[in-house]
Each structure stands twice: as C-alpha cells, then as structure tokens.
Protein backbone atom coordinates (compact mmCIF):
# COMPACT_ATOMS: atom_id res chain seq x y z
CA MET A 1 11.23 -1.97 -0.97
CA ILE A 2 7.79 -1.58 -1.50
CA HIS A 3 5.02 -2.42 0.89
CA ILE A 4 1.06 -2.46 -0.02
CA SER A 5 -1.49 -2.35 3.24
CA GLY A 6 -4.81 -1.33 3.36
CA SER A 7 -7.95 -3.06 1.18
CA GLY A 8 -10.40 -2.44 -0.93
CA ALA A 9 -10.34 1.70 -1.87
CA ASP A 10 -8.45 2.25 1.09
CA GLU A 11 -5.06 0.45 -0.13
CA HIS A 12 -1.51 2.58 -0.42
CA ILE A 13 1.34 1.77 -1.55
CA GLU A 14 4.32 2.57 -0.28
CA LEU A 15 8.24 3.09 -2.11
CA SER A 16 11.01 3.20 0.03
C-alpha cells in the first residue's frame, strides 16, 4: 500500500 500525505515540501510517502 502506498500512502501519500502532506503538501508542498512537507509531503511524505509511506510504503507498507
């Protein structure tokens, strides 16, 4: 599962 949260320079991607 790929989850992307945040916006602009504060975004991060979680792989699980």
